[in-house]
């Protein structure tokens, strides 16, 4: 299996990546195809595919923020069972991120990720691929070391319509085991930067960020 970074809409692998995203995620979670041009060309965003026998069987997008020494996993998609795709993507991603942090003269502080709460979200089929089931994904993230940030999380719809998307938790995987909190200012600054691309944000999102800015620490809780 190959780990291939995609940096252009003209890369034929990206059509397969976008098709996979559209099969697995609900529409409000998928950026329209043509709008991927700038993210793919952005040196700070990494869209990578697991390629098996010429076909995209999994994909992940992530980014590293050198100023804060944290990363964000935008998504991890497993398109087929029985190939060890999830482990392959997670290991390849972490190896890349550790190198980026080392190039920045640091050890990675931690990584954010969003995860659906299966007790609040039941209607999504996620492409019928069992490893993408929210119950399974939540357990996988827990095994990787992610914990839930203790605040009510909403995010702006990626359809750019200003709607609030709920039913997810924002999680954090600390680089040091035993860490119990994350600086609330870091979370607020990260979310503000991360969603800069979406101009139309719901009032609930702004209220959430303001609440974080009035708080010192956010607890990390088990998933």
N, C-alpha and C. Protein backbone atom coordinates (compact mmCIF):
# COMPACT_ATOMS: atom_id res chain seq x y z
N UNK A 1 0.85 -1.19 0.00
CA UNK A 1 0.00 0.00 0.00
C UNK A 1 0.89 1.24 0.00
N UNK A 2 0.50 2.24 -0.76
CA UNK A 2 1.26 3.48 -0.84
C UNK A 2 0.53 4.61 -0.12
N UNK A 3 1.31 5.52 0.45
CA UNK A 3 0.80 6.72 1.10
C UNK A 3 1.16 7.89 0.20
N UNK A 4 0.15 8.46 -0.47
CA UNK A 4 0.39 9.44 -1.52
C UNK A 4 -0.24 10.77 -1.15
N UNK A 5 0.55 11.83 -1.15
CA UNK A 5 0.00 13.17 -0.92
C UNK A 5 -0.51 13.74 -2.24
N UNK A 6 -1.71 14.34 -2.20
CA UNK A 6 -2.33 14.92 -3.39
C UNK A 6 -2.30 16.44 -3.27
N UNK A 7 -1.80 17.10 -4.28
CA UNK A 7 -1.61 18.56 -4.20
C UNK A 7 -2.28 19.32 -5.34
N UNK A 8 -3.10 18.63 -6.14
CA UNK A 8 -3.73 19.31 -7.28
C UNK A 8 -5.05 18.64 -7.64
N UNK A 9 -6.01 19.47 -8.09
CA UNK A 9 -7.28 18.93 -8.59
C UNK A 9 -7.05 18.05 -9.82
N UNK A 10 -5.98 18.31 -10.54
CA UNK A 10 -5.71 17.55 -11.77
C UNK A 10 -5.17 16.15 -11.49
N UNK A 11 -4.81 15.87 -10.26
CA UNK A 11 -4.35 14.53 -9.91
C UNK A 11 -5.54 13.58 -10.00
N UNK A 12 -5.49 12.56 -10.85
CA UNK A 12 -6.64 11.66 -11.01
C UNK A 12 -7.04 10.95 -9.72
N UNK A 13 -6.13 10.85 -8.77
CA UNK A 13 -6.47 10.21 -7.51
C UNK A 13 -7.46 11.04 -6.71
N UNK A 14 -7.46 12.37 -6.94
CA UNK A 14 -8.34 13.19 -6.12
C UNK A 14 -9.81 12.95 -6.45
N UNK A 15 -10.14 12.65 -7.68
CA UNK A 15 -11.53 12.33 -8.01
C UNK A 15 -11.97 11.12 -7.18
N UNK A 16 -11.11 10.14 -7.05
CA UNK A 16 -11.44 8.97 -6.23
C UNK A 16 -11.59 9.35 -4.76
N UNK A 17 -10.72 10.25 -4.30
CA UNK A 17 -10.80 10.71 -2.91
C UNK A 17 -12.13 11.41 -2.67
N UNK A 18 -12.51 12.32 -3.56
CA UNK A 18 -13.75 13.08 -3.37
C UNK A 18 -14.97 12.16 -3.46
N UNK A 19 -14.93 11.20 -4.36
CA UNK A 19 -16.03 10.23 -4.45
C UNK A 19 -16.17 9.46 -3.15
N UNK A 20 -15.04 9.09 -2.56
CA UNK A 20 -15.06 8.35 -1.31
C UNK A 20 -15.63 9.21 -0.18
N UNK A 21 -15.23 10.47 -0.13
CA UNK A 21 -15.78 11.38 0.88
C UNK A 21 -17.29 11.52 0.73
N UNK A 22 -17.76 11.65 -0.51
CA UNK A 22 -19.18 11.85 -0.78
C UNK A 22 -20.00 10.61 -0.44
N UNK A 23 -19.39 9.44 -0.54
CA UNK A 23 -20.08 8.20 -0.22
C UNK A 23 -20.21 8.00 1.29
N UNK A 24 -19.23 8.51 2.02
CA UNK A 24 -19.14 8.22 3.45
C UNK A 24 -19.79 9.28 4.32
N UNK A 25 -19.59 10.56 3.99
CA UNK A 25 -20.05 11.65 4.85
C UNK A 25 -21.34 12.28 4.34
N UNK A 26 -22.12 12.87 5.24
CA UNK A 26 -23.31 13.62 4.81
C UNK A 26 -22.88 14.87 4.04
N UNK A 27 -23.76 15.43 3.19
CA UNK A 27 -23.38 16.55 2.30
C UNK A 27 -22.79 17.75 3.02
N UNK A 28 -23.31 18.08 4.22
CA UNK A 28 -22.82 19.28 4.91
C UNK A 28 -21.39 19.12 5.43
N UNK A 29 -20.85 17.91 5.34
CA UNK A 29 -19.49 17.67 5.80
C UNK A 29 -18.48 17.62 4.64
N UNK A 30 -18.95 17.78 3.40
CA UNK A 30 -18.07 17.62 2.24
C UNK A 30 -17.99 18.91 1.44
N UNK A 31 -16.79 19.42 1.29
CA UNK A 31 -16.56 20.62 0.49
C UNK A 31 -16.78 20.30 -0.99
N UNK A 32 -17.44 21.21 -1.71
CA UNK A 32 -17.72 21.01 -3.13
C UNK A 32 -16.40 20.82 -3.90
N UNK A 33 -16.45 19.99 -4.95
CA UNK A 33 -15.23 19.54 -5.63
C UNK A 33 -14.30 20.68 -6.05
N UNK A 34 -14.83 21.68 -6.74
CA UNK A 34 -13.99 22.75 -7.27
C UNK A 34 -13.36 23.60 -6.17
N UNK A 35 -14.00 23.62 -4.99
CA UNK A 35 -13.49 24.44 -3.88
C UNK A 35 -12.27 23.81 -3.22
N UNK A 36 -11.90 22.61 -3.67
CA UNK A 36 -10.72 21.95 -3.12
C UNK A 36 -9.41 22.46 -3.73
N UNK A 37 -9.49 23.28 -4.77
CA UNK A 37 -8.27 23.72 -5.45
C UNK A 37 -7.27 24.37 -4.49
N UNK A 38 -7.72 25.36 -3.73
CA UNK A 38 -6.82 26.06 -2.82
C UNK A 38 -6.35 25.18 -1.66
N UNK A 39 -7.23 24.41 -1.00
CA UNK A 39 -6.74 23.53 0.07
C UNK A 39 -5.67 22.55 -0.41
N UNK A 40 -5.86 21.98 -1.60
CA UNK A 40 -4.89 21.03 -2.10
C UNK A 40 -3.53 21.68 -2.37
N UNK A 41 -3.57 22.93 -2.81
CA UNK A 41 -2.33 23.63 -3.14
C UNK A 41 -1.70 24.30 -1.92
N UNK A 42 -2.43 24.37 -0.82
CA UNK A 42 -1.93 24.99 0.40
C UNK A 42 -0.83 24.11 1.01
N UNK A 43 0.39 24.65 1.19
CA UNK A 43 1.48 23.83 1.73
C UNK A 43 1.24 23.37 3.16
N UNK A 44 0.32 24.04 3.88
CA UNK A 44 0.05 23.67 5.26
C UNK A 44 -1.02 22.62 5.43
N UNK A 45 -1.70 22.24 4.35
CA UNK A 45 -2.75 21.23 4.40
C UNK A 45 -2.28 19.99 3.65
N UNK A 46 -2.45 18.85 4.27
CA UNK A 46 -1.98 17.61 3.66
C UNK A 46 -3.18 16.68 3.43
N UNK A 47 -3.46 16.42 2.17
CA UNK A 47 -4.49 15.46 1.77
C UNK A 47 -3.76 14.25 1.22
N UNK A 48 -3.89 13.13 1.90
CA UNK A 48 -3.14 11.94 1.52
C UNK A 48 -4.09 10.76 1.31
N UNK A 49 -3.68 9.89 0.40
CA UNK A 49 -4.50 8.74 0.06
C UNK A 49 -3.73 7.45 0.31
N UNK A 50 -4.46 6.44 0.76
CA UNK A 50 -3.93 5.08 0.81
C UNK A 50 -4.30 4.44 -0.53
N UNK A 51 -3.29 4.08 -1.30
CA UNK A 51 -3.52 3.56 -2.65
C UNK A 51 -3.11 2.09 -2.69
N UNK A 52 -4.07 1.27 -3.03
CA UNK A 52 -3.86 -0.18 -3.10
C UNK A 52 -4.18 -0.66 -4.51
N UNK A 53 -3.19 -1.18 -5.20
CA UNK A 53 -3.35 -1.69 -6.57
C UNK A 53 -3.96 -0.62 -7.49
N UNK A 54 -3.51 0.61 -7.31
CA UNK A 54 -3.93 1.71 -8.17
C UNK A 54 -5.22 2.39 -7.77
N UNK A 55 -5.89 1.88 -6.74
CA UNK A 55 -7.16 2.44 -6.31
C UNK A 55 -7.05 3.08 -4.93
N UNK A 56 -7.76 4.20 -4.73
CA UNK A 56 -7.81 4.86 -3.43
C UNK A 56 -8.74 4.05 -2.53
N UNK A 57 -8.19 3.51 -1.46
CA UNK A 57 -8.98 2.70 -0.54
C UNK A 57 -9.14 3.38 0.83
N UNK A 58 -8.52 4.53 0.97
CA UNK A 58 -8.64 5.30 2.21
C UNK A 58 -8.00 6.65 2.01
N UNK A 59 -8.34 7.59 2.87
CA UNK A 59 -7.78 8.93 2.73
C UNK A 59 -7.81 9.65 4.07
N UNK A 60 -6.91 10.58 4.24
CA UNK A 60 -6.89 11.40 5.44
C UNK A 60 -6.42 12.81 5.07
N UNK A 61 -6.98 13.79 5.77
CA UNK A 61 -6.53 15.17 5.63
C UNK A 61 -6.15 15.68 7.01
N UNK A 62 -5.05 16.40 7.08
CA UNK A 62 -4.61 16.93 8.36
C UNK A 62 -3.73 18.15 8.11
N UNK A 63 -3.44 18.87 9.18
CA UNK A 63 -2.59 20.05 9.07
C UNK A 63 -1.83 20.26 10.38
N UNK A 64 -0.68 20.91 10.26
CA UNK A 64 0.16 21.20 11.42
C UNK A 64 0.26 22.71 11.57
N UNK A 65 0.10 23.17 12.81
CA UNK A 65 0.17 24.60 13.11
C UNK A 65 1.45 24.86 13.91
N UNK A 66 2.51 25.33 13.25
CA UNK A 66 3.80 25.48 13.95
C UNK A 66 3.77 26.46 15.11
N UNK A 67 2.96 27.51 15.02
CA UNK A 67 2.93 28.50 16.10
C UNK A 67 2.41 27.90 17.41
N UNK A 68 1.47 26.96 17.31
CA UNK A 68 0.90 26.32 18.50
C UNK A 68 1.45 24.91 18.72
N UNK A 69 2.17 24.40 17.73
CA UNK A 69 2.72 23.05 17.79
C UNK A 69 1.64 22.00 18.02
N UNK A 70 0.50 22.19 17.32
CA UNK A 70 -0.58 21.22 17.37
C UNK A 70 -0.98 20.87 15.93
N UNK A 71 -1.69 19.77 15.81
CA UNK A 71 -2.19 19.32 14.51
C UNK A 71 -3.70 19.15 14.59
N UNK A 72 -4.32 19.04 13.43
CA UNK A 72 -5.74 18.74 13.34
C UNK A 72 -5.93 17.65 12.30
N UNK A 73 -6.62 16.60 12.68
CA UNK A 73 -7.03 15.58 11.72
C UNK A 73 -8.40 15.99 11.20
N UNK A 74 -8.46 16.42 9.94
CA UNK A 74 -9.73 16.85 9.36
C UNK A 74 -10.66 15.65 9.13
N UNK A 75 -10.11 14.59 8.59
CA UNK A 75 -10.90 13.37 8.41
C UNK A 75 -9.97 12.19 8.18
N UNK A 76 -10.49 11.02 8.47
CA UNK A 76 -9.84 9.75 8.13
C UNK A 76 -10.93 8.85 7.58
N UNK A 77 -10.76 8.39 6.37
CA UNK A 77 -11.79 7.58 5.71
C UNK A 77 -11.21 6.23 5.32
N UNK A 78 -11.90 5.19 5.75
CA UNK A 78 -11.54 3.82 5.37
C UNK A 78 -12.57 3.33 4.37
N UNK A 79 -12.12 2.98 3.18
CA UNK A 79 -13.05 2.61 2.12
C UNK A 79 -13.27 1.13 1.94
N UNK A 80 -12.49 0.32 2.65
CA UNK A 80 -12.61 -1.13 2.46
C UNK A 80 -12.14 -1.84 3.73
N UNK A 81 -12.82 -2.90 4.09
CA UNK A 81 -12.42 -3.67 5.26
C UNK A 81 -11.31 -4.64 4.91
N UNK A 82 -10.58 -5.07 5.95
CA UNK A 82 -9.66 -6.19 5.81
C UNK A 82 -8.30 -5.89 5.23
N UNK A 83 -7.96 -4.61 5.08
CA UNK A 83 -6.64 -4.27 4.53
C UNK A 83 -5.76 -3.53 5.53
N UNK A 84 -6.26 -3.30 6.73
CA UNK A 84 -5.48 -2.56 7.72
C UNK A 84 -5.29 -1.11 7.36
N UNK A 85 -6.29 -0.54 6.67
CA UNK A 85 -6.16 0.83 6.16
C UNK A 85 -6.09 1.85 7.29
N UNK A 86 -6.92 1.68 8.32
CA UNK A 86 -6.94 2.64 9.42
C UNK A 86 -5.59 2.75 10.11
N UNK A 87 -5.00 1.64 10.41
CA UNK A 87 -3.67 1.63 11.06
C UNK A 87 -2.63 2.24 10.14
N UNK A 88 -2.69 1.89 8.86
CA UNK A 88 -1.73 2.41 7.89
C UNK A 88 -1.81 3.94 7.82
N UNK A 89 -3.02 4.47 7.74
CA UNK A 89 -3.19 5.92 7.65
C UNK A 89 -2.74 6.60 8.94
N UNK A 90 -3.12 6.04 10.09
CA UNK A 90 -2.77 6.66 11.37
C UNK A 90 -1.26 6.68 11.58
N UNK A 91 -0.60 5.59 11.28
CA UNK A 91 0.85 5.54 11.47
C UNK A 91 1.58 6.46 10.50
N UNK A 92 1.14 6.47 9.25
CA UNK A 92 1.77 7.31 8.24
C UNK A 92 1.59 8.79 8.58
N UNK A 93 0.40 9.15 9.03
CA UNK A 93 0.11 10.53 9.39
C UNK A 93 0.95 10.97 10.58
N UNK A 94 1.01 10.14 11.62
CA UNK A 94 1.75 10.51 12.82
C UNK A 94 3.25 10.64 12.53
N UNK A 95 3.77 9.75 11.70
CA UNK A 95 5.18 9.84 11.31
C UNK A 95 5.46 11.18 10.61
N UNK A 96 4.57 11.57 9.72
CA UNK A 96 4.72 12.83 9.00
C UNK A 96 4.63 14.02 9.96
N UNK A 97 3.65 13.98 10.88
CA UNK A 97 3.47 15.09 11.82
C UNK A 97 4.64 15.21 12.79
N UNK A 98 5.18 14.10 13.24
CA UNK A 98 6.34 14.15 14.13
C UNK A 98 7.53 14.77 13.43
N UNK A 99 7.66 14.51 12.14
CA UNK A 99 8.75 15.13 11.38
C UNK A 99 8.53 16.63 11.25
N UNK A 100 7.27 17.04 10.99
CA UNK A 100 6.97 18.47 10.88
C UNK A 100 7.26 19.18 12.20
N UNK A 101 6.90 18.55 13.33
CA UNK A 101 7.19 19.14 14.64
C UNK A 101 8.68 19.19 14.90
N UNK A 102 9.39 18.14 14.53
CA UNK A 102 10.84 18.12 14.72
C UNK A 102 11.52 19.20 13.88
N UNK A 103 11.04 19.39 12.66
CA UNK A 103 11.57 20.46 11.81
C UNK A 103 11.31 21.84 12.43
N UNK A 104 10.28 21.90 13.30
CA UNK A 104 9.93 23.13 14.02
C UNK A 104 10.68 23.22 15.35
N UNK A 105 11.54 22.24 15.60
CA UNK A 105 12.34 22.22 16.82
C UNK A 105 11.58 21.79 18.06
N UNK A 106 10.49 21.02 17.88
CA UNK A 106 9.65 20.66 19.02
C UNK A 106 9.19 19.21 18.90
N UNK A 107 8.59 18.73 20.00
CA UNK A 107 7.84 17.48 19.99
C UNK A 107 6.36 17.84 19.94
N UNK A 108 5.60 17.15 19.13
CA UNK A 108 4.20 17.48 18.90
C UNK A 108 3.43 17.57 20.21
N UNK A 109 2.75 18.73 20.45
CA UNK A 109 1.99 18.93 21.69
C UNK A 109 0.72 18.10 21.70
N UNK A 110 0.08 17.97 20.54
CA UNK A 110 -1.14 17.18 20.48
C UNK A 110 -1.88 17.39 19.18
N UNK A 111 -2.99 16.70 19.04
CA UNK A 111 -3.75 16.75 17.79
C UNK A 111 -5.25 16.78 18.08
N UNK A 112 -5.95 17.69 17.40
CA UNK A 112 -7.40 17.79 17.49
C UNK A 112 -8.05 16.86 16.47
N UNK A 113 -9.30 16.50 16.74
CA UNK A 113 -10.12 15.74 15.79
C UNK A 113 -11.57 15.88 16.19
N UNK A 114 -12.46 15.83 15.20
CA UNK A 114 -13.89 15.79 15.46
C UNK A 114 -14.38 14.35 15.33
N UNK A 115 -15.36 14.00 16.14
CA UNK A 115 -15.93 12.66 16.04
C UNK A 115 -17.42 12.73 16.31
N UNK A 116 -18.21 12.03 15.52
CA UNK A 116 -19.65 11.96 15.75
C UNK A 116 -19.94 11.22 17.05
N UNK A 117 -20.94 11.71 17.76
CA UNK A 117 -21.43 11.02 18.94
C UNK A 117 -22.56 10.09 18.48
N UNK A 118 -22.33 8.78 18.46
CA UNK A 118 -23.34 7.87 17.92
C UNK A 118 -24.63 7.84 18.74
N UNK A 119 -24.58 8.35 19.96
CA UNK A 119 -25.79 8.39 20.77
C UNK A 119 -26.67 9.57 20.40
N UNK A 120 -26.11 10.52 19.65
CA UNK A 120 -26.88 11.67 19.18
C UNK A 120 -27.11 11.63 17.67
N UNK A 121 -26.31 10.86 16.94
CA UNK A 121 -26.40 10.81 15.48
C UNK A 121 -26.60 9.36 15.07
N UNK A 122 -27.77 9.06 14.52
CA UNK A 122 -28.08 7.68 14.18
C UNK A 122 -28.42 7.48 12.71
N UNK A 123 -28.63 8.56 11.97
CA UNK A 123 -29.20 8.44 10.64
C UNK A 123 -28.17 8.24 9.53
N UNK A 124 -26.88 8.43 9.84
CA UNK A 124 -25.89 8.38 8.77
C UNK A 124 -25.38 6.95 8.56
N UNK A 125 -25.33 6.54 7.28
CA UNK A 125 -24.86 5.20 6.98
C UNK A 125 -23.37 5.12 6.77
N UNK A 126 -22.72 6.27 6.53
CA UNK A 126 -21.28 6.33 6.32
C UNK A 126 -20.81 5.32 5.28
N UNK A 127 -21.57 5.29 4.18
CA UNK A 127 -21.15 4.47 3.04
C UNK A 127 -21.31 2.99 3.23
N UNK A 128 -21.90 2.58 4.34
CA UNK A 128 -22.06 1.15 4.58
C UNK A 128 -20.78 0.44 4.94
N UNK A 129 -19.69 1.21 5.17
CA UNK A 129 -18.41 0.60 5.53
C UNK A 129 -18.34 0.53 7.06
N UNK A 130 -18.28 -0.68 7.59
CA UNK A 130 -18.37 -0.87 9.04
C UNK A 130 -17.30 -0.12 9.83
N UNK A 131 -16.03 -0.05 9.36
CA UNK A 131 -15.04 0.70 10.13
C UNK A 131 -15.36 2.18 10.27
N UNK A 132 -16.27 2.72 9.41
CA UNK A 132 -16.63 4.12 9.50
C UNK A 132 -17.83 4.35 10.41
N UNK A 133 -18.41 3.29 10.96
CA UNK A 133 -19.51 3.42 11.89
C UNK A 133 -19.04 4.28 13.08
N UNK A 134 -19.86 5.25 13.53
CA UNK A 134 -19.43 6.13 14.61
C UNK A 134 -19.02 5.40 15.89
N UNK A 135 -19.69 4.29 16.22
CA UNK A 135 -19.31 3.54 17.41
C UNK A 135 -17.89 2.99 17.25
N UNK A 136 -17.58 2.47 16.07
CA UNK A 136 -16.26 1.90 15.81
C UNK A 136 -15.21 3.00 15.80
N UNK A 137 -15.49 4.08 15.10
CA UNK A 137 -14.53 5.17 14.99
C UNK A 137 -14.22 5.78 16.34
N UNK A 138 -15.25 5.89 17.17
CA UNK A 138 -15.04 6.47 18.50
C UNK A 138 -14.10 5.60 19.33
N UNK A 139 -14.28 4.31 19.25
CA UNK A 139 -13.40 3.39 19.98
C UNK A 139 -11.98 3.43 19.43
N UNK A 140 -11.86 3.55 18.12
CA UNK A 140 -10.53 3.63 17.51
C UNK A 140 -9.80 4.88 17.98
N UNK A 141 -10.51 6.03 17.97
CA UNK A 141 -9.88 7.26 18.44
C UNK A 141 -9.49 7.14 19.91
N UNK A 142 -10.32 6.51 20.70
CA UNK A 142 -10.00 6.31 22.11
C UNK A 142 -8.73 5.47 22.26
N UNK A 143 -8.62 4.42 21.47
CA UNK A 143 -7.43 3.57 21.53
C UNK A 143 -6.18 4.33 21.09
N UNK A 144 -6.35 5.27 20.16
CA UNK A 144 -5.20 6.06 19.70
C UNK A 144 -4.75 7.08 20.75
N UNK A 145 -5.62 7.37 21.72
CA UNK A 145 -5.26 8.30 22.77
C UNK A 145 -6.05 9.59 22.78
N UNK A 146 -7.08 9.69 21.92
CA UNK A 146 -7.91 10.90 21.91
C UNK A 146 -8.85 10.91 23.11
N UNK A 147 -9.12 12.13 23.60
CA UNK A 147 -10.08 12.34 24.67
C UNK A 147 -11.02 13.48 24.28
N UNK A 148 -12.19 13.50 24.88
CA UNK A 148 -13.20 14.50 24.55
C UNK A 148 -12.96 15.79 25.32
N UNK A 149 -12.96 16.92 24.59
CA UNK A 149 -12.88 18.21 25.25
C UNK A 149 -14.25 18.54 25.85
N UNK A 150 -14.26 18.93 27.10
CA UNK A 150 -15.50 19.05 27.87
C UNK A 150 -16.18 20.40 27.65
N UNK A 151 -16.80 20.56 26.48
CA UNK A 151 -17.67 21.71 26.23
C UNK A 151 -18.61 21.36 25.08
N UNK A 152 -19.79 21.99 25.02
CA UNK A 152 -20.76 21.69 23.94
C UNK A 152 -20.21 22.22 22.62
N UNK A 153 -20.02 21.31 21.67
CA UNK A 153 -19.33 21.67 20.42
C UNK A 153 -20.30 21.78 19.25
N UNK A 154 -20.16 22.85 18.48
CA UNK A 154 -20.86 23.00 17.21
C UNK A 154 -19.84 23.49 16.19
N UNK A 155 -20.11 23.25 14.91
CA UNK A 155 -19.24 23.85 13.90
C UNK A 155 -20.06 24.32 12.72
N UNK A 156 -19.53 25.27 11.96
CA UNK A 156 -20.24 25.77 10.78
C UNK A 156 -20.30 24.71 9.69
N UNK A 157 -21.42 24.65 8.99
CA UNK A 157 -21.57 23.71 7.89
C UNK A 157 -20.57 24.01 6.79
N UNK A 158 -19.97 22.95 6.25
CA UNK A 158 -19.03 23.12 5.14
C UNK A 158 -19.73 23.45 3.84
N UNK A 159 -21.05 23.48 3.85
CA UNK A 159 -21.78 23.94 2.67
C UNK A 159 -21.81 25.46 2.59
N UNK A 160 -21.28 26.13 3.62
CA UNK A 160 -21.17 27.58 3.60
C UNK A 160 -22.49 28.31 3.76
N UNK A 161 -23.50 27.63 4.33
CA UNK A 161 -24.82 28.24 4.45
C UNK A 161 -25.07 28.85 5.83
N UNK A 162 -24.04 28.85 6.67
CA UNK A 162 -24.17 29.46 7.98
C UNK A 162 -24.91 28.63 9.01
N UNK A 163 -25.24 27.39 8.67
CA UNK A 163 -25.96 26.52 9.60
C UNK A 163 -24.99 25.92 10.62
N UNK A 164 -25.51 25.66 11.81
CA UNK A 164 -24.71 25.02 12.85
C UNK A 164 -24.85 23.51 12.75
N UNK A 165 -23.72 22.82 12.77
CA UNK A 165 -23.71 21.36 12.72
C UNK A 165 -23.43 20.85 14.13
N UNK A 166 -24.31 20.01 14.62
CA UNK A 166 -24.16 19.45 15.96
C UNK A 166 -24.00 17.94 15.87
N UNK A 167 -23.99 17.28 17.02
CA UNK A 167 -23.87 15.83 17.03
C UNK A 167 -22.44 15.34 17.00
N UNK A 168 -21.47 16.28 17.16
CA UNK A 168 -20.07 15.90 17.17
C UNK A 168 -19.42 16.34 18.48
N UNK A 169 -18.31 15.73 18.80
CA UNK A 169 -17.45 16.17 19.88
C UNK A 169 -16.12 16.60 19.28
N UNK A 170 -15.51 17.62 19.89
CA UNK A 170 -14.14 17.98 19.54
C UNK A 170 -13.23 17.25 20.51
N UNK A 171 -12.26 16.56 19.98
CA UNK A 171 -11.36 15.74 20.79
C UNK A 171 -9.92 16.23 20.66
N UNK A 172 -9.08 15.77 21.57
CA UNK A 172 -7.68 16.14 21.56
C UNK A 172 -6.86 14.95 22.01
N UNK A 173 -5.79 14.66 21.28
CA UNK A 173 -4.86 13.60 21.65
C UNK A 173 -3.58 14.27 22.14
N UNK A 174 -3.37 14.33 23.46
CA UNK A 174 -2.17 15.00 23.96
C UNK A 174 -0.91 14.21 23.66
N UNK A 175 0.17 14.94 23.43
CA UNK A 175 1.45 14.27 23.17
C UNK A 175 2.01 13.60 24.41
N UNK A 176 1.65 14.13 25.58
CA UNK A 176 2.13 13.58 26.84
C UNK A 176 1.00 12.85 27.56
N UNK A 177 1.23 11.59 27.88
CA UNK A 177 0.20 10.81 28.58
C UNK A 177 -0.03 11.39 29.97
N UNK A 178 -1.28 11.40 30.39
CA UNK A 178 -1.60 11.90 31.71
C UNK A 178 -2.06 13.34 31.75
N UNK A 179 -1.98 14.02 30.61
CA UNK A 179 -2.46 15.40 30.56
C UNK A 179 -3.96 15.42 30.77
N UNK A 180 -4.44 16.30 31.65
CA UNK A 180 -5.85 16.31 32.02
C UNK A 180 -6.63 17.49 31.48
N UNK A 181 -5.95 18.55 31.03
CA UNK A 181 -6.62 19.74 30.52
C UNK A 181 -5.88 20.29 29.31
N UNK A 182 -6.58 21.15 28.57
CA UNK A 182 -6.00 21.89 27.46
C UNK A 182 -6.35 23.36 27.68
N UNK A 183 -5.43 24.24 27.35
CA UNK A 183 -5.69 25.67 27.50
C UNK A 183 -6.88 26.09 26.64
N UNK A 184 -7.87 26.71 27.26
CA UNK A 184 -9.08 27.12 26.53
C UNK A 184 -8.74 28.12 25.43
N UNK A 185 -7.76 28.99 25.68
CA UNK A 185 -7.36 29.98 24.68
C UNK A 185 -6.80 29.29 23.43
N UNK A 186 -6.07 28.21 23.63
CA UNK A 186 -5.55 27.45 22.49
C UNK A 186 -6.69 26.88 21.66
N UNK A 187 -7.70 26.32 22.33
CA UNK A 187 -8.84 25.75 21.62
C UNK A 187 -9.57 26.84 20.84
N UNK A 188 -9.79 27.99 21.47
CA UNK A 188 -10.50 29.09 20.82
C UNK A 188 -9.71 29.63 19.63
N UNK A 189 -8.41 29.82 19.82
CA UNK A 189 -7.56 30.33 18.73
C UNK A 189 -7.52 29.34 17.57
N UNK A 190 -7.41 28.06 17.91
CA UNK A 190 -7.37 27.04 16.87
C UNK A 190 -8.66 27.03 16.06
N UNK A 191 -9.82 27.02 16.74
CA UNK A 191 -11.10 26.98 16.03
C UNK A 191 -11.31 28.23 15.19
N UNK A 192 -10.90 29.38 15.70
CA UNK A 192 -11.03 30.63 14.94
C UNK A 192 -10.22 30.57 13.66
N UNK A 193 -8.99 30.06 13.77
CA UNK A 193 -8.13 29.93 12.59
C UNK A 193 -8.67 28.87 11.63
N UNK A 194 -9.06 27.73 12.19
CA UNK A 194 -9.48 26.59 11.37
C UNK A 194 -10.69 26.91 10.51
N UNK A 195 -11.63 27.70 11.07
CA UNK A 195 -12.86 28.00 10.33
C UNK A 195 -12.85 29.38 9.67
N UNK A 196 -11.66 29.96 9.54
CA UNK A 196 -11.56 31.25 8.85
C UNK A 196 -12.10 31.17 7.43
N UNK A 197 -11.91 30.03 6.79
CA UNK A 197 -12.32 29.87 5.39
C UNK A 197 -13.83 29.98 5.22
N UNK A 198 -14.59 29.71 6.27
CA UNK A 198 -16.06 29.81 6.20
C UNK A 198 -16.48 31.17 6.74
N UNK A 199 -16.90 32.05 5.85
CA UNK A 199 -17.25 33.41 6.26
C UNK A 199 -18.56 33.47 7.05
N UNK A 200 -19.52 32.65 6.68
CA UNK A 200 -20.84 32.68 7.30
C UNK A 200 -20.90 31.64 8.41
N UNK A 201 -20.80 32.11 9.66
CA UNK A 201 -20.80 31.21 10.80
C UNK A 201 -22.05 31.45 11.65
N UNK A 202 -22.61 30.40 12.22
CA UNK A 202 -23.82 30.55 13.02
C UNK A 202 -23.54 31.24 14.35
N UNK A 203 -24.59 31.84 14.92
CA UNK A 203 -24.46 32.52 16.21
C UNK A 203 -24.00 31.55 17.29
N UNK A 204 -24.43 30.30 17.21
CA UNK A 204 -24.05 29.31 18.22
C UNK A 204 -22.55 29.08 18.23
N UNK A 205 -21.93 29.16 17.05
CA UNK A 205 -20.47 28.98 16.98
C UNK A 205 -19.75 30.16 17.64
N UNK A 206 -20.19 31.37 17.33
CA UNK A 206 -19.57 32.55 17.95
C UNK A 206 -19.72 32.52 19.46
N UNK A 207 -20.89 32.12 19.94
CA UNK A 207 -21.12 32.04 21.38
C UNK A 207 -20.20 31.01 22.02
N UNK A 208 -19.99 29.88 21.34
CA UNK A 208 -19.11 28.84 21.84
C UNK A 208 -17.68 29.36 21.99
N UNK A 209 -17.20 30.06 20.97
CA UNK A 209 -15.83 30.59 21.01
C UNK A 209 -15.68 31.63 22.11
N UNK A 210 -16.67 32.50 22.27
CA UNK A 210 -16.62 33.50 23.33
C UNK A 210 -16.61 32.85 24.71
N UNK A 211 -17.38 31.78 24.87
CA UNK A 211 -17.38 31.05 26.13
C UNK A 211 -16.00 30.47 26.42
N UNK A 212 -15.36 29.92 25.39
CA UNK A 212 -14.01 29.38 25.56
C UNK A 212 -13.03 30.48 25.98
N UNK A 213 -13.19 31.66 25.40
CA UNK A 213 -12.26 32.76 25.71
C UNK A 213 -12.45 33.29 27.13
N UNK A 214 -13.56 32.97 27.73
CA UNK A 214 -13.79 33.40 29.11
C UNK A 214 -13.40 32.31 30.12
N UNK A 215 -12.83 31.22 29.60
CA UNK A 215 -12.47 30.07 30.43
C UNK A 215 -10.96 29.89 30.42
N UNK A 216 -10.42 29.34 31.50
CA UNK A 216 -8.97 29.13 31.60
C UNK A 216 -8.55 27.80 30.96
N UNK A 217 -9.17 26.73 31.41
CA UNK A 217 -8.80 25.38 30.95
C UNK A 217 -10.06 24.62 30.51
N UNK A 218 -9.86 23.66 29.62
CA UNK A 218 -10.92 22.73 29.23
C UNK A 218 -10.49 21.33 29.63
N UNK A 219 -11.35 20.65 30.34
CA UNK A 219 -11.01 19.29 30.79
C UNK A 219 -10.99 18.31 29.63
N UNK A 220 -10.17 17.29 29.75
CA UNK A 220 -10.14 16.16 28.83
C UNK A 220 -10.86 15.00 29.50
N UNK A 221 -11.88 14.46 28.84
CA UNK A 221 -12.68 13.37 29.40
C UNK A 221 -12.58 12.14 28.49
N UNK A 222 -12.78 10.96 29.03
CA UNK A 222 -12.73 9.75 28.20
C UNK A 222 -13.78 9.79 27.11
N UNK A 223 -13.47 9.19 25.96
CA UNK A 223 -14.44 9.07 24.89
C UNK A 223 -15.43 7.94 25.19
